[in-house]
Amino acid sequence: MDNLPVQPKSDQYVPFIGSAAPLHPDFGSGLVEGRPFGIPLTVTDTTAAESEVSLDCPEESDRAGYRIPPDARIENGPASDGDLHVVVWDKAPCTSYELFDAERQGGNAWHAGSGAIFDLRSNVLRPDGWTSADAAGLAVLPGLARYDEAAGGRIDHAIRITVPRSDRSYVWPARQQAG
């Protein structure tokens, strides 16, 4: 891919977002400094029962319809001080159930800061100004790089990363600023 053109404003963007700080990939597995990293994906091909989800930001979240198995994996583990994303891909309806700052409440109940449900066969965006499990209001799952893609030598979609600093504006398809 080194034959692709460099974005014309790259020399301005890179120093602004923090060229001296390490890039934080939101995908991966394993340990960094003894701690797990990356947003794990829980895949199910049997539709889980609807979960009870309470939300800190219900006005910008899907309020019901989440189908999150009790054993869904939490980003960096439930004791982490990170973003605690939960991403569940239900293969049958091709739907992603995504939570930010998720915590199991016991049984089939969860609490989260915010959340969203995405029909991955659709290009419908969230309402302008809304968040999701992602600060910019985007679906998390499509931006995660998968092992099979990397091992196959081709990742043909945008990759989700977090940068140390970003602007307080946003461009389509983002639904709100994440700066």
N, C-alpha and C. Protein backbone atom coordinates (compact mmCIF):
# COMPACT_ATOMS: atom_id res chain seq x y z
N MET A 1 0.81 -1.20 0.00
CA MET A 1 0.00 0.00 0.00
C MET A 1 0.86 1.27 0.00
N ASP A 2 2.18 1.16 0.01
CA ASP A 2 3.00 2.37 0.06
C ASP A 2 2.94 3.16 -1.23
N ASN A 3 2.22 2.68 -2.23
CA ASN A 3 2.12 3.44 -3.47
C ASN A 3 0.88 4.34 -3.47
N LEU A 4 0.08 4.33 -2.38
CA LEU A 4 -1.09 5.19 -2.30
C LEU A 4 -0.64 6.62 -1.98
N PRO A 5 -1.37 7.62 -2.46
CA PRO A 5 -0.97 9.00 -2.19
C PRO A 5 -1.17 9.36 -0.72
N VAL A 6 -0.34 10.24 -0.21
CA VAL A 6 -0.46 10.74 1.16
C VAL A 6 -1.49 11.86 1.15
N GLN A 7 -2.34 11.90 2.17
CA GLN A 7 -3.35 12.95 2.27
C GLN A 7 -2.62 14.29 2.26
N PRO A 8 -3.04 15.25 1.42
CA PRO A 8 -2.32 16.52 1.27
C PRO A 8 -2.08 17.29 2.56
N LYS A 9 -2.95 17.17 3.55
CA LYS A 9 -2.78 17.90 4.81
C LYS A 9 -2.18 17.02 5.90
N SER A 10 -1.62 15.89 5.54
CA SER A 10 -1.06 14.96 6.52
C SER A 10 -0.02 15.62 7.42
N ASP A 11 0.82 16.48 6.85
CA ASP A 11 1.85 17.15 7.65
C ASP A 11 1.26 18.08 8.71
N GLN A 12 0.02 18.51 8.54
CA GLN A 12 -0.66 19.32 9.55
C GLN A 12 -1.40 18.42 10.54
N TYR A 13 -2.07 17.39 10.05
CA TYR A 13 -2.88 16.52 10.91
C TYR A 13 -2.04 15.76 11.94
N VAL A 14 -0.97 15.15 11.50
CA VAL A 14 -0.20 14.26 12.38
C VAL A 14 0.33 14.99 13.61
N PRO A 15 0.98 16.15 13.49
CA PRO A 15 1.43 16.84 14.71
C PRO A 15 0.27 17.27 15.61
N PHE A 16 -0.88 17.64 15.00
CA PHE A 16 -2.02 18.08 15.80
C PHE A 16 -2.58 16.95 16.66
N ILE A 17 -2.70 15.75 16.10
CA ILE A 17 -3.31 14.66 16.87
C ILE A 17 -2.35 14.05 17.88
N GLY A 18 -1.05 14.37 17.77
CA GLY A 18 -0.11 13.91 18.78
C GLY A 18 0.91 12.93 18.25
N SER A 19 1.81 13.40 17.44
CA SER A 19 2.81 12.50 16.83
C SER A 19 3.81 11.94 17.84
N ALA A 20 3.96 12.59 18.99
CA ALA A 20 4.92 12.09 19.99
C ALA A 20 4.30 11.04 20.90
N ALA A 21 2.98 10.97 20.93
CA ALA A 21 2.30 9.99 21.79
C ALA A 21 2.03 8.71 20.98
N PRO A 22 1.98 7.57 21.64
CA PRO A 22 1.73 6.33 20.90
C PRO A 22 0.30 6.27 20.37
N LEU A 23 0.17 5.68 19.21
CA LEU A 23 -1.14 5.44 18.61
C LEU A 23 -1.81 4.33 19.41
N HIS A 24 -3.09 4.47 19.68
CA HIS A 24 -3.82 3.46 20.46
C HIS A 24 -4.75 2.69 19.53
N PRO A 25 -4.35 1.48 19.13
CA PRO A 25 -5.26 0.69 18.30
C PRO A 25 -6.38 0.15 19.18
N ASP A 26 -7.59 0.19 18.66
CA ASP A 26 -8.73 -0.32 19.42
C ASP A 26 -9.05 -1.75 19.07
N PHE A 27 -8.13 -2.40 18.40
CA PHE A 27 -8.31 -3.80 18.05
C PHE A 27 -7.08 -4.53 18.54
N GLY A 28 -7.18 -5.81 18.68
CA GLY A 28 -6.02 -6.58 19.09
C GLY A 28 -6.36 -7.55 20.19
N SER A 29 -5.37 -8.26 20.59
CA SER A 29 -5.53 -9.19 21.70
C SER A 29 -4.16 -9.37 22.33
N GLY A 30 -4.16 -9.88 23.51
CA GLY A 30 -2.90 -10.07 24.21
C GLY A 30 -2.76 -9.06 25.32
N LEU A 31 -1.52 -8.85 25.74
CA LEU A 31 -1.25 -7.97 26.86
C LEU A 31 -0.29 -6.86 26.46
N VAL A 32 -0.48 -5.68 27.01
CA VAL A 32 0.43 -4.56 26.90
C VAL A 32 0.71 -4.11 28.32
N GLU A 33 1.97 -4.13 28.71
CA GLU A 33 2.36 -3.80 30.08
C GLU A 33 1.56 -4.64 31.09
N GLY A 34 1.35 -5.91 30.74
CA GLY A 34 0.68 -6.84 31.63
C GLY A 34 -0.83 -6.74 31.67
N ARG A 35 -1.40 -5.84 30.87
CA ARG A 35 -2.86 -5.65 30.87
C ARG A 35 -3.42 -5.98 29.49
N PRO A 36 -4.66 -6.52 29.43
CA PRO A 36 -5.26 -6.80 28.13
C PRO A 36 -5.56 -5.51 27.39
N PHE A 37 -5.54 -5.57 26.06
CA PHE A 37 -5.90 -4.40 25.27
C PHE A 37 -6.76 -4.83 24.09
N GLY A 38 -7.45 -3.87 23.55
CA GLY A 38 -8.27 -4.11 22.37
C GLY A 38 -9.73 -4.30 22.73
N ILE A 39 -10.59 -4.04 21.76
CA ILE A 39 -12.02 -4.24 21.94
C ILE A 39 -12.34 -5.65 21.47
N PRO A 40 -12.75 -6.53 22.38
CA PRO A 40 -13.06 -7.89 21.97
C PRO A 40 -14.42 -7.95 21.29
N LEU A 41 -14.59 -8.94 20.47
CA LEU A 41 -15.85 -9.16 19.77
C LEU A 41 -16.46 -10.46 20.27
N THR A 42 -17.68 -10.38 20.74
CA THR A 42 -18.43 -11.57 21.11
C THR A 42 -19.33 -11.90 19.93
N VAL A 43 -19.17 -13.09 19.37
CA VAL A 43 -19.95 -13.51 18.21
C VAL A 43 -20.95 -14.57 18.64
N THR A 44 -22.18 -14.39 18.21
CA THR A 44 -23.20 -15.38 18.51
C THR A 44 -23.97 -15.70 17.23
N ASP A 45 -24.32 -16.94 17.07
CA ASP A 45 -25.16 -17.29 15.93
C ASP A 45 -26.50 -17.83 16.41
N THR A 46 -26.74 -17.69 17.69
CA THR A 46 -28.06 -17.99 18.24
C THR A 46 -28.50 -16.73 18.96
N THR A 47 -29.60 -16.18 18.56
CA THR A 47 -30.04 -14.91 19.11
C THR A 47 -30.26 -15.02 20.62
N ALA A 48 -29.55 -14.21 21.35
CA ALA A 48 -29.66 -14.18 22.82
C ALA A 48 -30.98 -13.53 23.21
N ALA A 49 -31.44 -13.83 24.39
CA ALA A 49 -32.65 -13.17 24.91
C ALA A 49 -32.37 -11.68 25.05
N GLU A 50 -33.41 -10.87 24.98
CA GLU A 50 -33.22 -9.43 25.12
C GLU A 50 -32.71 -9.13 26.53
N SER A 51 -31.70 -8.26 26.60
CA SER A 51 -31.09 -7.88 27.87
C SER A 51 -31.75 -6.64 28.43
N GLU A 52 -31.71 -6.53 29.73
CA GLU A 52 -32.14 -5.30 30.39
C GLU A 52 -30.91 -4.41 30.48
N VAL A 53 -30.96 -3.24 29.84
CA VAL A 53 -29.81 -2.34 29.82
C VAL A 53 -30.23 -0.98 30.36
N SER A 54 -29.61 -0.54 31.45
CA SER A 54 -29.82 0.82 31.94
C SER A 54 -28.68 1.68 31.42
N LEU A 55 -28.97 2.94 31.10
CA LEU A 55 -28.01 3.81 30.42
C LEU A 55 -27.87 5.16 31.12
N ASP A 56 -26.64 5.66 31.18
CA ASP A 56 -26.39 7.00 31.71
C ASP A 56 -26.81 8.08 30.71
N CYS A 57 -26.79 7.76 29.42
CA CYS A 57 -27.10 8.73 28.37
C CYS A 57 -28.24 8.17 27.50
N PRO A 58 -29.43 7.97 28.08
CA PRO A 58 -30.52 7.36 27.30
C PRO A 58 -31.02 8.24 26.16
N GLU A 59 -30.84 9.57 26.30
CA GLU A 59 -31.37 10.48 25.27
C GLU A 59 -30.64 10.36 23.93
N GLU A 60 -29.44 9.76 23.91
CA GLU A 60 -28.70 9.57 22.66
C GLU A 60 -28.40 8.10 22.40
N SER A 61 -29.06 7.20 23.12
CA SER A 61 -28.81 5.77 22.99
C SER A 61 -30.08 5.06 22.56
N ASP A 62 -29.92 3.90 21.94
CA ASP A 62 -31.06 3.03 21.72
C ASP A 62 -31.43 2.49 23.10
N ARG A 63 -32.68 2.61 23.48
CA ARG A 63 -33.08 2.31 24.86
C ARG A 63 -33.42 0.85 25.09
N ALA A 64 -33.77 0.12 24.05
CA ALA A 64 -34.17 -1.28 24.23
C ALA A 64 -33.80 -2.07 22.98
N GLY A 65 -33.87 -3.39 23.11
CA GLY A 65 -33.61 -4.26 21.97
C GLY A 65 -32.23 -4.90 21.98
N TYR A 66 -31.42 -4.63 23.00
CA TYR A 66 -30.08 -5.20 23.10
C TYR A 66 -30.18 -6.70 23.40
N ARG A 67 -29.38 -7.48 22.71
CA ARG A 67 -29.32 -8.93 22.94
C ARG A 67 -27.87 -9.27 23.24
N ILE A 68 -27.52 -9.14 24.51
CA ILE A 68 -26.14 -9.30 24.94
C ILE A 68 -26.04 -10.51 25.86
N PRO A 69 -25.31 -11.55 25.44
CA PRO A 69 -25.20 -12.73 26.30
C PRO A 69 -24.50 -12.37 27.62
N PRO A 70 -24.86 -13.05 28.70
CA PRO A 70 -24.24 -12.78 30.00
C PRO A 70 -22.72 -12.96 29.99
N ASP A 71 -22.20 -13.78 29.06
CA ASP A 71 -20.76 -14.01 29.00
C ASP A 71 -20.05 -13.12 27.97
N ALA A 72 -20.72 -12.04 27.52
CA ALA A 72 -20.08 -11.13 26.55
C ALA A 72 -18.79 -10.57 27.13
N ARG A 73 -17.79 -10.47 26.27
CA ARG A 73 -16.47 -9.98 26.71
C ARG A 73 -16.47 -8.46 26.82
N ILE A 74 -15.78 -7.96 27.85
CA ILE A 74 -15.68 -6.52 28.11
C ILE A 74 -14.26 -6.08 27.79
N GLU A 75 -14.15 -4.95 27.08
CA GLU A 75 -12.84 -4.42 26.70
C GLU A 75 -11.93 -4.28 27.92
N ASN A 76 -10.76 -4.88 27.81
CA ASN A 76 -9.72 -4.84 28.84
C ASN A 76 -10.14 -5.49 30.16
N GLY A 77 -11.24 -6.21 30.18
CA GLY A 77 -11.69 -6.90 31.38
C GLY A 77 -12.56 -6.02 32.24
N PRO A 78 -13.46 -6.60 33.03
CA PRO A 78 -14.41 -5.82 33.82
C PRO A 78 -13.78 -4.95 34.90
N ALA A 79 -12.55 -5.24 35.30
CA ALA A 79 -11.89 -4.43 36.34
C ALA A 79 -11.07 -3.29 35.74
N SER A 80 -11.12 -3.10 34.45
CA SER A 80 -10.33 -2.07 33.77
C SER A 80 -10.83 -0.68 34.11
N ASP A 81 -9.95 0.30 33.94
CA ASP A 81 -10.36 1.69 34.08
C ASP A 81 -10.51 2.34 32.70
N GLY A 82 -10.60 1.52 31.66
CA GLY A 82 -10.71 2.02 30.29
C GLY A 82 -12.16 2.26 29.88
N ASP A 83 -12.40 2.18 28.57
CA ASP A 83 -13.72 2.48 28.01
C ASP A 83 -14.75 1.36 28.19
N LEU A 84 -14.30 0.16 28.49
CA LEU A 84 -15.18 -0.96 28.80
C LEU A 84 -16.26 -1.20 27.73
N HIS A 85 -15.83 -1.19 26.46
CA HIS A 85 -16.77 -1.49 25.37
C HIS A 85 -17.19 -2.96 25.40
N VAL A 86 -18.43 -3.21 25.05
CA VAL A 86 -18.94 -4.54 24.78
C VAL A 86 -19.50 -4.48 23.36
N VAL A 87 -19.03 -5.38 22.51
CA VAL A 87 -19.51 -5.44 21.13
C VAL A 87 -19.94 -6.88 20.86
N VAL A 88 -21.22 -7.05 20.52
CA VAL A 88 -21.77 -8.38 20.22
C VAL A 88 -22.27 -8.37 18.79
N TRP A 89 -21.78 -9.33 18.01
CA TRP A 89 -22.26 -9.49 16.63
C TRP A 89 -23.17 -10.70 16.60
N ASP A 90 -24.45 -10.47 16.35
CA ASP A 90 -25.41 -11.54 16.19
C ASP A 90 -25.46 -11.85 14.70
N LYS A 91 -24.87 -12.98 14.31
CA LYS A 91 -24.69 -13.31 12.90
C LYS A 91 -26.01 -13.49 12.15
N ALA A 92 -27.01 -14.11 12.77
CA ALA A 92 -28.26 -14.41 12.06
C ALA A 92 -28.92 -13.14 11.50
N PRO A 93 -29.20 -12.13 12.32
CA PRO A 93 -29.80 -10.91 11.75
C PRO A 93 -28.74 -9.90 11.29
N CYS A 94 -27.46 -10.23 11.42
CA CYS A 94 -26.35 -9.33 11.06
C CYS A 94 -26.49 -7.99 11.79
N THR A 95 -26.58 -8.10 13.11
CA THR A 95 -26.79 -6.94 13.97
C THR A 95 -25.66 -6.84 14.99
N SER A 96 -25.23 -5.62 15.24
CA SER A 96 -24.21 -5.35 16.25
C SER A 96 -24.85 -4.62 17.42
N TYR A 97 -24.67 -5.16 18.63
CA TYR A 97 -25.14 -4.54 19.86
C TYR A 97 -23.89 -4.01 20.57
N GLU A 98 -23.84 -2.71 20.82
CA GLU A 98 -22.61 -2.09 21.30
C GLU A 98 -22.88 -1.21 22.52
N LEU A 99 -22.05 -1.39 23.55
CA LEU A 99 -22.16 -0.61 24.78
C LEU A 99 -20.83 0.06 25.09
N PHE A 100 -20.88 1.24 25.69
CA PHE A 100 -19.71 1.96 26.20
C PHE A 100 -19.82 1.99 27.72
N ASP A 101 -18.70 1.80 28.40
CA ASP A 101 -18.64 1.84 29.86
C ASP A 101 -19.61 0.81 30.45
N ALA A 102 -19.50 -0.42 29.93
CA ALA A 102 -20.43 -1.48 30.29
C ALA A 102 -20.04 -2.20 31.57
N GLU A 103 -21.06 -2.58 32.31
CA GLU A 103 -20.85 -3.34 33.54
C GLU A 103 -21.99 -4.35 33.68
N ARG A 104 -21.62 -5.60 33.91
CA ARG A 104 -22.62 -6.63 34.16
C ARG A 104 -23.34 -6.31 35.47
N GLN A 105 -24.64 -6.50 35.47
CA GLN A 105 -25.43 -6.26 36.68
C GLN A 105 -25.95 -7.55 37.28
N GLY A 106 -25.60 -8.67 36.66
CA GLY A 106 -26.11 -9.96 37.12
C GLY A 106 -27.23 -10.43 36.21
N GLY A 107 -27.35 -11.73 36.10
CA GLY A 107 -28.38 -12.29 35.23
C GLY A 107 -28.20 -11.79 33.80
N ASN A 108 -29.26 -11.27 33.24
CA ASN A 108 -29.23 -10.77 31.86
C ASN A 108 -29.29 -9.25 31.84
N ALA A 109 -28.79 -8.59 32.89
CA ALA A 109 -28.86 -7.14 33.00
C ALA A 109 -27.47 -6.51 32.89
N TRP A 110 -27.42 -5.35 32.26
CA TRP A 110 -26.19 -4.58 32.07
C TRP A 110 -26.48 -3.12 32.39
N HIS A 111 -25.43 -2.39 32.77
CA HIS A 111 -25.49 -0.93 32.88
C HIS A 111 -24.39 -0.40 31.97
N ALA A 112 -24.67 0.71 31.27
CA ALA A 112 -23.68 1.30 30.37
C ALA A 112 -23.84 2.81 30.32
N GLY A 113 -22.76 3.47 29.92
CA GLY A 113 -22.81 4.91 29.71
C GLY A 113 -23.71 5.24 28.53
N SER A 114 -23.49 4.54 27.42
CA SER A 114 -24.30 4.74 26.21
C SER A 114 -24.28 3.45 25.40
N GLY A 115 -25.15 3.39 24.42
CA GLY A 115 -25.20 2.18 23.60
C GLY A 115 -25.95 2.40 22.31
N ALA A 116 -25.77 1.46 21.40
CA ALA A 116 -26.42 1.54 20.10
C ALA A 116 -26.58 0.16 19.51
N ILE A 117 -27.57 0.04 18.65
CA ILE A 117 -27.83 -1.20 17.93
C ILE A 117 -27.73 -0.87 16.44
N PHE A 118 -26.92 -1.65 15.71
CA PHE A 118 -26.70 -1.38 14.28
C PHE A 118 -27.08 -2.58 13.44
N ASP A 119 -27.95 -2.35 12.45
CA ASP A 119 -28.23 -3.34 11.41
C ASP A 119 -27.07 -3.21 10.43
N LEU A 120 -26.20 -4.20 10.39
CA LEU A 120 -24.99 -4.10 9.58
C LEU A 120 -25.25 -4.32 8.09
N ARG A 121 -26.50 -4.55 7.70
CA ARG A 121 -26.86 -4.64 6.29
C ARG A 121 -27.38 -3.31 5.78
N SER A 122 -27.36 -2.29 6.64
CA SER A 122 -27.93 -0.99 6.32
C SER A 122 -26.85 0.09 6.45
N ASN A 123 -27.02 1.17 5.72
CA ASN A 123 -26.14 2.33 5.83
C ASN A 123 -26.78 3.47 6.61
N VAL A 124 -27.88 3.17 7.32
CA VAL A 124 -28.58 4.20 8.08
C VAL A 124 -27.67 4.70 9.21
N LEU A 125 -27.56 6.02 9.32
CA LEU A 125 -26.75 6.64 10.37
C LEU A 125 -27.62 7.00 11.57
N ARG A 126 -26.99 7.17 12.71
CA ARG A 126 -27.69 7.62 13.90
C ARG A 126 -28.09 9.08 13.69
N PRO A 127 -29.05 9.59 14.45
CA PRO A 127 -29.42 11.00 14.31
C PRO A 127 -28.22 11.92 14.54
N ASP A 128 -28.19 13.01 13.82
CA ASP A 128 -27.11 13.99 13.95
C ASP A 128 -27.05 14.47 15.40
N GLY A 129 -25.85 14.49 15.98
CA GLY A 129 -25.65 14.93 17.35
C GLY A 129 -25.68 13.80 18.36
N TRP A 130 -26.00 12.58 17.92
CA TRP A 130 -26.08 11.44 18.85
C TRP A 130 -24.76 10.71 18.96
N THR A 131 -24.51 10.17 20.13
CA THR A 131 -23.39 9.28 20.36
C THR A 131 -23.83 7.85 20.08
N SER A 132 -22.98 6.91 20.38
CA SER A 132 -23.30 5.48 20.33
C SER A 132 -22.42 4.86 21.40
N ALA A 133 -21.83 3.71 21.18
CA ALA A 133 -20.79 3.22 22.08
C ALA A 133 -19.48 3.90 21.70
N ASP A 134 -19.50 4.63 20.61
CA ASP A 134 -18.37 5.38 20.07
C ASP A 134 -18.69 6.86 20.22
N ALA A 135 -17.75 7.65 20.69
CA ALA A 135 -18.01 9.07 20.93
C ALA A 135 -18.50 9.80 19.68
N ALA A 136 -18.04 9.39 18.50
CA ALA A 136 -18.45 10.05 17.26
C ALA A 136 -19.79 9.54 16.74
N GLY A 137 -20.40 8.59 17.44
CA GLY A 137 -21.71 8.09 17.03
C GLY A 137 -21.66 7.04 15.94
N LEU A 138 -20.49 6.47 15.72
CA LEU A 138 -20.33 5.44 14.68
C LEU A 138 -20.44 4.05 15.27
N ALA A 139 -20.64 3.06 14.42
CA ALA A 139 -20.59 1.67 14.86
C ALA A 139 -19.13 1.31 15.11
N VAL A 140 -18.87 0.58 16.18
CA VAL A 140 -17.51 0.15 16.53
C VAL A 140 -17.08 -1.05 15.68
N LEU A 141 -17.95 -2.04 15.56
CA LEU A 141 -17.59 -3.30 14.91
C LEU A 141 -16.96 -3.16 13.53
N PRO A 142 -17.51 -2.35 12.61
CA PRO A 142 -16.92 -2.30 11.27
C PRO A 142 -15.48 -1.76 11.23
N GLY A 143 -15.04 -1.05 12.26
CA GLY A 143 -13.68 -0.50 12.28
C GLY A 143 -12.65 -1.40 12.94
N LEU A 144 -13.08 -2.54 13.45
CA LEU A 144 -12.14 -3.45 14.09
C LEU A 144 -11.46 -4.32 13.04
N ALA A 145 -10.15 -4.42 13.12
CA ALA A 145 -9.41 -5.32 12.23
C ALA A 145 -9.48 -6.72 12.82
N ARG A 146 -9.71 -7.69 11.97
CA ARG A 146 -9.81 -9.08 12.43
C ARG A 146 -8.56 -9.86 12.04
N TYR A 147 -8.28 -10.88 12.82
CA TYR A 147 -7.10 -11.71 12.57
C TYR A 147 -7.11 -12.27 11.16
N ASP A 148 -8.26 -12.79 10.72
CA ASP A 148 -8.31 -13.41 9.39
C ASP A 148 -7.98 -12.40 8.29
N GLU A 149 -8.35 -11.13 8.48
CA GLU A 149 -8.01 -10.10 7.49
C GLU A 149 -6.50 -9.86 7.48
N ALA A 150 -5.93 -9.66 8.67
CA ALA A 150 -4.49 -9.40 8.75
C ALA A 150 -3.68 -10.59 8.25
N ALA A 151 -4.08 -11.80 8.64
CA ALA A 151 -3.36 -13.00 8.20
C ALA A 151 -3.48 -13.19 6.70
N GLY A 152 -4.60 -12.74 6.13
CA GLY A 152 -4.80 -12.85 4.68
C GLY A 152 -4.10 -11.75 3.91
N GLY A 153 -3.52 -10.77 4.62
CA GLY A 153 -2.76 -9.71 3.97
C GLY A 153 -3.60 -8.59 3.38
N ARG A 154 -4.88 -8.53 3.75
CA ARG A 154 -5.71 -7.47 3.18
C ARG A 154 -6.79 -7.04 4.18
N ILE A 155 -6.77 -5.76 4.50
CA ILE A 155 -7.82 -5.13 5.30
C ILE A 155 -8.38 -4.03 4.41
N ASP A 156 -9.60 -4.20 3.94
CA ASP A 156 -10.14 -3.27 2.94
C ASP A 156 -11.23 -2.36 3.50
N HIS A 157 -11.07 -1.97 4.76
CA HIS A 157 -12.02 -1.05 5.38
C HIS A 157 -11.27 -0.12 6.32
N ALA A 158 -11.95 0.92 6.75
CA ALA A 158 -11.36 1.85 7.71
C ALA A 158 -11.04 1.10 9.00
N ILE A 159 -9.99 1.50 9.68
CA ILE A 159 -9.57 0.87 10.93
C ILE A 159 -9.78 1.86 12.07
N ARG A 160 -10.38 1.37 13.13
CA ARG A 160 -10.66 2.20 14.30
C ARG A 160 -9.40 2.40 15.13
N ILE A 161 -9.09 3.66 15.44
CA ILE A 161 -7.99 4.00 16.33
C ILE A 161 -8.45 5.13 17.25
N THR A 162 -7.72 5.34 18.31
CA THR A 162 -7.95 6.48 19.18
C THR A 162 -6.67 7.29 19.17
N VAL A 163 -6.81 8.60 19.00
CA VAL A 163 -5.64 9.48 18.97
C VAL A 163 -5.64 10.33 20.23
N PRO A 164 -4.46 10.82 20.65
CA PRO A 164 -4.38 11.60 21.87
C PRO A 164 -5.18 12.91 21.83
N ARG A 165 -5.34 13.48 20.63
CA ARG A 165 -5.99 14.78 20.52
C ARG A 165 -6.76 14.83 19.22
N SER A 166 -7.98 15.34 19.27
CA SER A 166 -8.75 15.53 18.04
C SER A 166 -9.52 16.84 18.11
N ASP A 167 -10.02 17.25 17.00
CA ASP A 167 -10.72 18.51 16.82
C ASP A 167 -12.13 18.41 17.40
N ARG A 168 -12.73 19.52 17.73
CA ARG A 168 -14.11 19.52 18.25
C ARG A 168 -15.15 19.64 17.13
N SER A 169 -14.72 19.47 15.88
CA SER A 169 -15.66 19.44 14.77
C SER A 169 -15.77 17.99 14.30
N TYR A 170 -16.64 17.76 13.34
CA TYR A 170 -16.73 16.41 12.80
C TYR A 170 -17.20 16.45 11.36
N VAL A 171 -16.84 15.42 10.67
CA VAL A 171 -17.25 15.29 9.27
C VAL A 171 -18.00 13.98 9.09
N TRP A 172 -18.87 13.96 8.12
CA TRP A 172 -19.65 12.76 7.79
C TRP A 172 -18.70 11.61 7.59
N PRO A 173 -18.99 10.42 8.09
CA PRO A 173 -20.25 9.96 8.64
C PRO A 173 -20.41 10.13 10.15
N ALA A 174 -19.42 10.75 10.81
CA ALA A 174 -19.55 10.96 12.26
C ALA A 174 -20.84 11.71 12.55
N ARG A 175 -21.43 11.46 13.72
CA ARG A 175 -22.68 12.07 14.08
C ARG A 175 -22.50 13.19 15.11
N GLN A 176 -21.31 13.23 15.75
CA GLN A 176 -21.00 14.31 16.68
C GLN A 176 -19.49 14.37 16.86
N GLN A 177 -19.03 15.45 17.46
CA GLN A 177 -17.58 15.62 17.69
C GLN A 177 -17.13 14.72 18.81
N ALA A 178 -15.90 14.30 18.74
CA ALA A 178 -15.32 13.44 19.78
C ALA A 178 -14.06 14.07 20.34
N GLY A 179 -13.87 15.37 20.13
CA GLY A 179 -12.66 16.06 20.54
C GLY A 179 -12.61 16.35 22.02
